[in-house]
N, C-alpha and C. Protein backbone atom coordinates (compact mmCIF):
# COMPACT_ATOMS: atom_id res chain seq x y z
N UNK A 1 84.59 83.73 106.80
CA UNK A 1 83.34 83.26 106.27
C UNK A 1 83.11 81.83 106.77
N UNK A 2 81.87 81.41 106.80
CA UNK A 2 81.54 80.09 107.30
C UNK A 2 82.06 79.01 106.36
N UNK A 3 82.42 77.88 106.94
CA UNK A 3 82.94 76.77 106.14
C UNK A 3 81.82 76.12 105.33
N UNK A 4 80.60 76.16 105.83
CA UNK A 4 79.49 75.57 105.11
C UNK A 4 78.35 76.57 105.08
N UNK A 5 77.55 76.50 104.05
CA UNK A 5 76.37 77.35 103.95
C UNK A 5 75.16 76.50 104.32
N UNK A 6 74.30 77.04 105.13
CA UNK A 6 73.08 76.35 105.50
C UNK A 6 72.07 76.52 104.38
N UNK A 7 71.06 75.72 104.35
CA UNK A 7 70.00 75.91 103.37
C UNK A 7 69.84 74.71 102.46
N UNK A 8 70.90 74.14 101.96
CA UNK A 8 70.75 72.95 101.14
C UNK A 8 70.92 71.74 102.04
N UNK A 9 70.31 70.61 101.68
CA UNK A 9 70.40 69.44 102.55
C UNK A 9 71.84 68.97 102.78
N UNK A 10 72.67 69.12 101.79
CA UNK A 10 74.07 68.73 101.92
C UNK A 10 74.93 69.91 101.49
N UNK A 11 75.23 70.81 102.44
CA UNK A 11 75.98 72.02 102.09
C UNK A 11 77.40 71.68 101.63
N UNK A 12 77.94 72.57 100.83
CA UNK A 12 79.31 72.40 100.34
C UNK A 12 80.30 72.93 101.37
N UNK A 13 81.37 72.20 101.56
CA UNK A 13 82.48 72.69 102.36
C UNK A 13 83.34 73.58 101.47
N UNK A 14 84.29 74.25 102.06
CA UNK A 14 85.21 75.06 101.24
C UNK A 14 85.93 74.20 100.22
N UNK A 15 86.41 73.04 100.64
CA UNK A 15 87.16 72.17 99.73
C UNK A 15 86.26 71.64 98.62
N UNK A 16 85.07 71.17 98.96
CA UNK A 16 84.20 70.62 97.91
C UNK A 16 83.75 71.72 96.94
N UNK A 17 83.50 72.92 97.43
CA UNK A 17 83.14 74.01 96.51
C UNK A 17 84.32 74.38 95.62
N UNK A 18 85.53 74.35 96.17
CA UNK A 18 86.72 74.65 95.36
C UNK A 18 86.93 73.58 94.29
N UNK A 19 86.71 72.33 94.64
CA UNK A 19 86.84 71.24 93.67
C UNK A 19 85.84 71.43 92.54
N UNK A 20 84.58 71.70 92.90
CA UNK A 20 83.55 71.90 91.86
C UNK A 20 83.88 73.09 90.97
N UNK A 21 84.35 74.17 91.57
CA UNK A 21 84.70 75.36 90.79
C UNK A 21 85.85 75.06 89.83
N UNK A 22 86.86 74.35 90.31
CA UNK A 22 87.98 74.02 89.43
C UNK A 22 87.54 73.12 88.28
N UNK A 23 86.69 72.15 88.56
CA UNK A 23 86.20 71.28 87.50
C UNK A 23 85.33 72.05 86.51
N UNK A 24 84.54 72.98 87.01
CA UNK A 24 83.69 73.77 86.12
C UNK A 24 84.53 74.63 85.19
N UNK A 25 85.56 75.26 85.73
CA UNK A 25 86.35 76.21 84.93
C UNK A 25 87.45 75.55 84.11
N UNK A 26 87.97 74.42 84.57
CA UNK A 26 89.10 73.78 83.86
C UNK A 26 88.69 72.56 83.08
N UNK A 27 87.50 72.03 83.34
CA UNK A 27 87.06 70.81 82.69
C UNK A 27 87.48 69.60 83.50
N UNK A 28 87.20 68.41 82.99
CA UNK A 28 87.52 67.18 83.72
C UNK A 28 89.01 67.09 84.04
N UNK A 29 89.31 66.62 85.25
CA UNK A 29 90.69 66.50 85.71
C UNK A 29 90.88 65.18 86.44
N UNK A 30 92.11 64.69 86.41
CA UNK A 30 92.47 63.51 87.21
C UNK A 30 92.58 63.94 88.67
N UNK A 31 92.43 63.01 89.57
CA UNK A 31 92.50 63.32 91.00
C UNK A 31 93.87 63.92 91.35
N UNK A 32 94.93 63.46 90.69
CA UNK A 32 96.27 64.01 90.97
C UNK A 32 96.36 65.48 90.54
N UNK A 33 95.71 65.83 89.44
CA UNK A 33 95.70 67.23 88.99
C UNK A 33 94.90 68.11 89.95
N UNK A 34 93.76 67.60 90.38
CA UNK A 34 92.96 68.33 91.37
C UNK A 34 93.75 68.55 92.65
N UNK A 35 94.44 67.51 93.10
CA UNK A 35 95.22 67.60 94.34
C UNK A 35 96.31 68.66 94.20
N UNK A 36 96.97 68.69 93.06
CA UNK A 36 98.02 69.69 92.84
C UNK A 36 97.44 71.11 92.88
N UNK A 37 96.29 71.30 92.26
CA UNK A 37 95.64 72.61 92.26
C UNK A 37 95.26 73.01 93.68
N UNK A 38 94.72 72.07 94.44
CA UNK A 38 94.27 72.35 95.81
C UNK A 38 95.42 72.40 96.81
N UNK A 39 96.58 71.91 96.42
CA UNK A 39 97.74 71.91 97.31
C UNK A 39 97.66 70.86 98.40
N UNK A 40 97.05 69.72 98.07
CA UNK A 40 96.94 68.62 99.03
C UNK A 40 97.36 67.32 98.36
N UNK A 41 97.51 66.28 99.16
CA UNK A 41 97.82 64.96 98.62
C UNK A 41 96.58 64.37 97.95
N UNK A 42 96.79 63.58 96.90
CA UNK A 42 95.66 62.95 96.20
C UNK A 42 94.81 62.12 97.15
N UNK A 43 95.44 61.44 98.09
CA UNK A 43 94.71 60.61 99.05
C UNK A 43 93.75 61.46 99.89
N UNK A 44 94.13 62.71 100.14
CA UNK A 44 93.29 63.59 100.94
C UNK A 44 92.00 63.97 100.21
N UNK A 45 92.04 63.98 98.88
CA UNK A 45 90.86 64.34 98.10
C UNK A 45 89.92 63.18 97.85
N UNK A 46 90.43 61.97 97.98
CA UNK A 46 89.64 60.80 97.62
C UNK A 46 88.30 60.77 98.34
N UNK A 47 88.30 60.99 99.64
CA UNK A 47 87.05 60.93 100.41
C UNK A 47 86.08 62.03 99.98
N UNK A 48 86.61 63.23 99.76
CA UNK A 48 85.75 64.36 99.36
C UNK A 48 85.15 64.10 97.98
N UNK A 49 85.97 63.61 97.04
CA UNK A 49 85.48 63.32 95.69
C UNK A 49 84.46 62.19 95.74
N UNK A 50 84.69 61.18 96.57
CA UNK A 50 83.73 60.08 96.70
C UNK A 50 82.39 60.60 97.23
N UNK A 51 82.43 61.52 98.18
CA UNK A 51 81.19 62.10 98.73
C UNK A 51 80.48 62.94 97.66
N UNK A 52 81.23 63.73 96.90
CA UNK A 52 80.62 64.51 95.81
C UNK A 52 80.01 63.58 94.75
N UNK A 53 80.67 62.45 94.52
CA UNK A 53 80.15 61.48 93.57
C UNK A 53 78.86 60.84 94.11
N UNK A 54 78.83 60.52 95.38
CA UNK A 54 77.64 59.94 96.02
C UNK A 54 76.46 60.92 95.91
N UNK A 55 76.76 62.21 96.02
CA UNK A 55 75.73 63.24 95.94
C UNK A 55 75.31 63.54 94.50
N UNK A 56 75.99 62.94 93.54
CA UNK A 56 75.69 63.18 92.13
C UNK A 56 76.24 64.49 91.60
N UNK A 57 77.20 65.07 92.32
CA UNK A 57 77.75 66.37 91.93
C UNK A 57 78.98 66.24 91.03
N UNK A 58 79.62 65.09 91.02
CA UNK A 58 80.71 64.81 90.09
C UNK A 58 80.52 63.40 89.55
N UNK A 59 81.17 63.12 88.44
CA UNK A 59 81.14 61.79 87.83
C UNK A 59 82.54 61.44 87.38
N UNK A 60 82.87 60.19 87.49
CA UNK A 60 84.16 59.69 86.99
C UNK A 60 83.94 59.13 85.59
N UNK A 61 84.93 59.36 84.74
CA UNK A 61 84.89 58.78 83.41
C UNK A 61 86.32 58.51 82.94
N UNK A 62 86.44 57.55 82.08
CA UNK A 62 87.74 57.24 81.50
C UNK A 62 88.20 58.39 80.63
N UNK A 63 89.48 58.70 80.71
CA UNK A 63 90.05 59.75 79.89
C UNK A 63 89.99 59.36 78.43
N UNK A 64 89.71 60.32 77.58
CA UNK A 64 89.67 60.04 76.14
C UNK A 64 91.08 59.89 75.56
N UNK A 65 92.09 60.39 76.27
CA UNK A 65 93.46 60.32 75.77
C UNK A 65 94.27 59.20 76.40
N UNK A 66 93.89 58.77 77.61
CA UNK A 66 94.63 57.71 78.31
C UNK A 66 93.62 56.82 79.03
N UNK A 67 93.35 55.65 78.48
CA UNK A 67 92.32 54.76 79.01
C UNK A 67 92.63 54.26 80.42
N UNK A 68 93.88 54.41 80.87
CA UNK A 68 94.24 53.99 82.24
C UNK A 68 93.82 55.03 83.27
N UNK A 69 93.52 56.22 82.80
CA UNK A 69 93.27 57.35 83.69
C UNK A 69 91.76 57.61 83.82
N UNK A 70 91.35 57.95 85.05
CA UNK A 70 89.97 58.37 85.28
C UNK A 70 89.95 59.88 85.52
N UNK A 71 89.08 60.55 84.83
CA UNK A 71 88.89 61.99 85.04
C UNK A 71 87.65 62.20 85.88
N UNK A 72 87.68 63.25 86.65
CA UNK A 72 86.54 63.67 87.46
C UNK A 72 85.92 64.86 86.74
N UNK A 73 84.61 64.82 86.54
CA UNK A 73 83.91 65.91 85.85
C UNK A 73 82.75 66.37 86.72
N UNK A 74 82.47 67.67 86.67
CA UNK A 74 81.33 68.21 87.40
C UNK A 74 80.06 67.88 86.62
N UNK A 75 78.99 67.56 87.35
CA UNK A 75 77.70 67.28 86.73
C UNK A 75 76.82 68.52 86.81
N UNK A 76 75.66 68.45 86.19
CA UNK A 76 74.70 69.56 86.29
C UNK A 76 74.31 69.79 87.75
N UNK A 77 74.14 68.70 88.52
CA UNK A 77 73.81 68.85 89.94
C UNK A 77 74.95 69.54 90.69
N UNK A 78 76.17 69.26 90.30
CA UNK A 78 77.33 69.92 90.91
C UNK A 78 77.37 71.40 90.58
N UNK A 79 77.08 71.73 89.31
CA UNK A 79 77.05 73.14 88.92
C UNK A 79 75.93 73.88 89.65
N UNK A 80 74.79 73.22 89.82
CA UNK A 80 73.68 73.84 90.54
C UNK A 80 74.05 74.06 92.01
N UNK A 81 74.69 73.08 92.63
CA UNK A 81 75.12 73.22 94.03
C UNK A 81 76.13 74.36 94.16
N UNK A 82 77.02 74.49 93.19
CA UNK A 82 78.00 75.57 93.20
C UNK A 82 77.32 76.93 93.05
N UNK A 83 76.35 77.03 92.13
CA UNK A 83 75.60 78.29 91.96
C UNK A 83 74.90 78.68 93.27
N UNK A 84 74.27 77.70 93.92
CA UNK A 84 73.58 77.97 95.18
C UNK A 84 74.57 78.40 96.26
N UNK A 85 75.72 77.76 96.29
CA UNK A 85 76.76 78.08 97.27
C UNK A 85 77.24 79.52 97.08
N UNK A 86 77.48 79.91 95.83
CA UNK A 86 77.92 81.27 95.53
C UNK A 86 76.82 82.27 95.87
N UNK A 87 75.59 81.94 95.48
CA UNK A 87 74.45 82.82 95.79
C UNK A 87 74.31 83.03 97.30
N UNK A 88 74.39 81.94 98.06
CA UNK A 88 74.28 82.04 99.52
C UNK A 88 75.43 82.84 100.11
N UNK A 89 76.63 82.63 99.58
CA UNK A 89 77.79 83.38 100.06
C UNK A 89 77.67 84.87 99.76
N UNK A 90 77.18 85.18 98.56
CA UNK A 90 76.98 86.59 98.19
C UNK A 90 75.92 87.25 99.07
N UNK A 91 74.83 86.51 99.36
CA UNK A 91 73.77 87.05 100.22
C UNK A 91 74.30 87.29 101.62
N UNK A 92 75.10 86.34 102.13
CA UNK A 92 75.69 86.51 103.46
C UNK A 92 76.59 87.74 103.49
N UNK A 93 77.44 87.89 102.48
CA UNK A 93 78.36 89.02 102.44
C UNK A 93 77.61 90.35 102.34
N UNK A 94 76.61 90.41 101.47
CA UNK A 94 75.83 91.65 101.33
C UNK A 94 75.16 92.01 102.64
N UNK A 95 74.62 91.04 103.32
CA UNK A 95 73.98 91.29 104.61
C UNK A 95 75.00 91.76 105.65
N UNK A 96 76.15 91.11 105.70
CA UNK A 96 77.19 91.49 106.66
C UNK A 96 77.69 92.90 106.38
N UNK A 97 77.88 93.24 105.11
CA UNK A 97 78.32 94.59 104.76
C UNK A 97 77.28 95.63 105.17
N UNK A 98 76.02 95.34 104.91
CA UNK A 98 74.95 96.28 105.23
C UNK A 98 74.82 96.48 106.74
N UNK A 99 75.00 95.40 107.51
CA UNK A 99 74.87 95.48 108.97
C UNK A 99 76.09 96.10 109.63
N UNK A 100 77.25 95.93 109.05
CA UNK A 100 78.49 96.26 109.72
C UNK A 100 79.09 97.60 109.30
N UNK A 101 79.02 97.92 108.01
CA UNK A 101 79.69 99.11 107.50
C UNK A 101 78.73 100.27 107.31
N UNK A 102 79.25 101.47 107.48
CA UNK A 102 78.47 102.68 107.20
C UNK A 102 78.38 102.85 105.68
N UNK A 103 77.46 103.68 105.22
CA UNK A 103 77.41 103.95 103.77
C UNK A 103 78.74 104.48 103.23
N UNK A 104 79.42 105.32 103.99
CA UNK A 104 80.72 105.85 103.53
C UNK A 104 81.74 104.72 103.43
N UNK A 105 81.75 103.82 104.39
CA UNK A 105 82.70 102.69 104.35
C UNK A 105 82.38 101.77 103.18
N UNK A 106 81.10 101.54 102.91
CA UNK A 106 80.73 100.72 101.75
C UNK A 106 81.17 101.39 100.45
N UNK A 107 81.09 102.73 100.40
CA UNK A 107 81.56 103.47 99.23
C UNK A 107 83.06 103.31 99.03
N UNK A 108 83.80 103.38 100.13
CA UNK A 108 85.25 103.18 100.06
C UNK A 108 85.58 101.77 99.59
N UNK A 109 84.85 100.81 100.09
CA UNK A 109 85.07 99.42 99.69
C UNK A 109 84.77 99.24 98.20
N UNK A 110 83.70 99.88 97.72
CA UNK A 110 83.37 99.81 96.29
C UNK A 110 84.49 100.42 95.46
N UNK A 111 85.01 101.58 95.90
CA UNK A 111 86.12 102.23 95.20
C UNK A 111 87.36 101.35 95.21
N UNK A 112 87.66 100.74 96.35
CA UNK A 112 88.82 99.85 96.43
C UNK A 112 88.67 98.68 95.46
N UNK A 113 87.46 98.15 95.35
CA UNK A 113 87.21 97.06 94.41
C UNK A 113 87.45 97.48 92.97
N UNK A 114 86.99 98.69 92.64
CA UNK A 114 87.21 99.21 91.29
C UNK A 114 88.70 99.40 91.00
N UNK A 115 89.43 99.88 91.99
CA UNK A 115 90.88 100.05 91.82
C UNK A 115 91.58 98.71 91.64
N UNK A 116 91.14 97.71 92.39
CA UNK A 116 91.73 96.37 92.24
C UNK A 116 91.44 95.81 90.84
N UNK A 117 90.24 96.08 90.32
CA UNK A 117 89.93 95.63 88.96
C UNK A 117 90.83 96.30 87.94
N UNK A 118 91.10 97.60 88.13
CA UNK A 118 92.02 98.30 87.23
C UNK A 118 93.40 97.67 87.28
N UNK A 119 93.87 97.37 88.47
CA UNK A 119 95.19 96.75 88.61
C UNK A 119 95.23 95.38 87.95
N UNK A 120 94.15 94.63 88.05
CA UNK A 120 94.11 93.30 87.45
C UNK A 120 94.21 93.36 85.94
N UNK A 121 93.84 94.49 85.35
CA UNK A 121 93.88 94.63 83.90
C UNK A 121 95.22 95.13 83.36
N UNK A 122 96.13 95.51 84.26
CA UNK A 122 97.42 96.03 83.84
C UNK A 122 98.22 94.92 83.17
N UNK A 123 98.77 95.23 82.03
CA UNK A 123 99.61 94.28 81.31
C UNK A 123 100.96 94.23 82.02
N UNK A 124 101.35 93.06 82.48
CA UNK A 124 102.59 92.92 83.23
C UNK A 124 103.82 93.31 82.42
N UNK A 125 103.73 93.26 81.09
CA UNK A 125 104.87 93.66 80.26
C UNK A 125 105.12 95.17 80.34
N UNK A 126 104.15 95.92 80.82
CA UNK A 126 104.31 97.36 80.93
C UNK A 126 105.05 97.77 82.20
N UNK A 127 105.38 96.82 83.04
CA UNK A 127 105.98 97.11 84.35
C UNK A 127 107.20 98.01 84.24
N UNK A 128 108.11 97.71 83.33
CA UNK A 128 109.33 98.52 83.21
C UNK A 128 109.02 99.92 82.74
N UNK A 129 108.10 100.06 81.78
CA UNK A 129 107.77 101.38 81.25
C UNK A 129 107.04 102.24 82.27
N UNK A 130 106.30 101.62 83.20
CA UNK A 130 105.50 102.41 84.13
C UNK A 130 106.06 102.39 85.54
N UNK A 131 107.26 101.85 85.72
CA UNK A 131 107.86 101.84 87.05
C UNK A 131 108.20 103.26 87.46
N UNK A 132 107.96 103.59 88.74
CA UNK A 132 108.28 104.95 89.20
C UNK A 132 109.76 105.27 89.03
N UNK A 133 110.03 106.54 88.68
CA UNK A 133 111.41 106.99 88.56
C UNK A 133 111.91 107.39 89.94
N UNK A 134 113.13 107.87 90.03
CA UNK A 134 113.72 108.20 91.32
C UNK A 134 112.91 109.22 92.09
N UNK A 135 112.23 110.14 91.40
CA UNK A 135 111.45 111.15 92.11
C UNK A 135 110.06 110.64 92.50
N UNK A 136 109.80 109.35 92.23
CA UNK A 136 108.53 108.76 92.62
C UNK A 136 107.44 108.88 91.56
N UNK A 137 107.74 109.60 90.45
CA UNK A 137 106.75 109.76 89.40
C UNK A 137 106.98 108.73 88.31
N UNK A 138 105.92 108.41 87.63
CA UNK A 138 106.01 107.50 86.49
C UNK A 138 106.32 108.32 85.25
N UNK A 139 106.89 107.70 84.24
CA UNK A 139 107.11 108.43 82.99
C UNK A 139 105.80 109.00 82.47
N UNK A 140 105.83 110.26 82.04
CA UNK A 140 104.63 110.91 81.55
C UNK A 140 103.86 111.67 82.61
N UNK A 141 104.33 111.62 83.86
CA UNK A 141 103.63 112.32 84.96
C UNK A 141 104.36 113.60 85.35
N UNK A 142 105.21 114.13 84.49
CA UNK A 142 106.05 115.27 84.86
C UNK A 142 105.25 116.44 85.41
N UNK A 143 104.13 116.76 84.78
CA UNK A 143 103.40 117.94 85.20
C UNK A 143 102.29 117.67 86.20
N UNK A 144 102.06 116.43 86.53
CA UNK A 144 100.93 116.10 87.41
C UNK A 144 101.31 116.29 88.87
N UNK A 145 100.41 116.89 89.61
CA UNK A 145 100.63 117.06 91.05
C UNK A 145 100.33 115.76 91.76
N UNK A 146 101.01 115.57 92.85
CA UNK A 146 100.78 114.35 93.62
C UNK A 146 99.78 114.58 94.67
């Protein structure tokens, strides 16, 4: 996928969109926390966060729990930029799927997505109870054909 989406005057990069998404979903974070989430050094994020701040997409504020710490928070403009970025990405993907895949392939992709959603809902504590036995069947599948 493209690193930037065209259409807005200042498109989001992958890193800036990831920063905004993390702030939206996790709430205000210190730059060190953001860096740990992104898997980069704090110094590497400073320039990106400064640019997002210049654009009005994030704001710095003193932490309510530690006055020495500054938290970075997403602003309404940042949330709007993120919504536009996601919308543009979804439109690009839908167009690429329609142009590239046959209806049958799109159906298979839809089915694969549904199966992945089912897997995401599996309770990890059930792993031992539902692990395949030596014959490759799970407990309770004795009569089911493969």
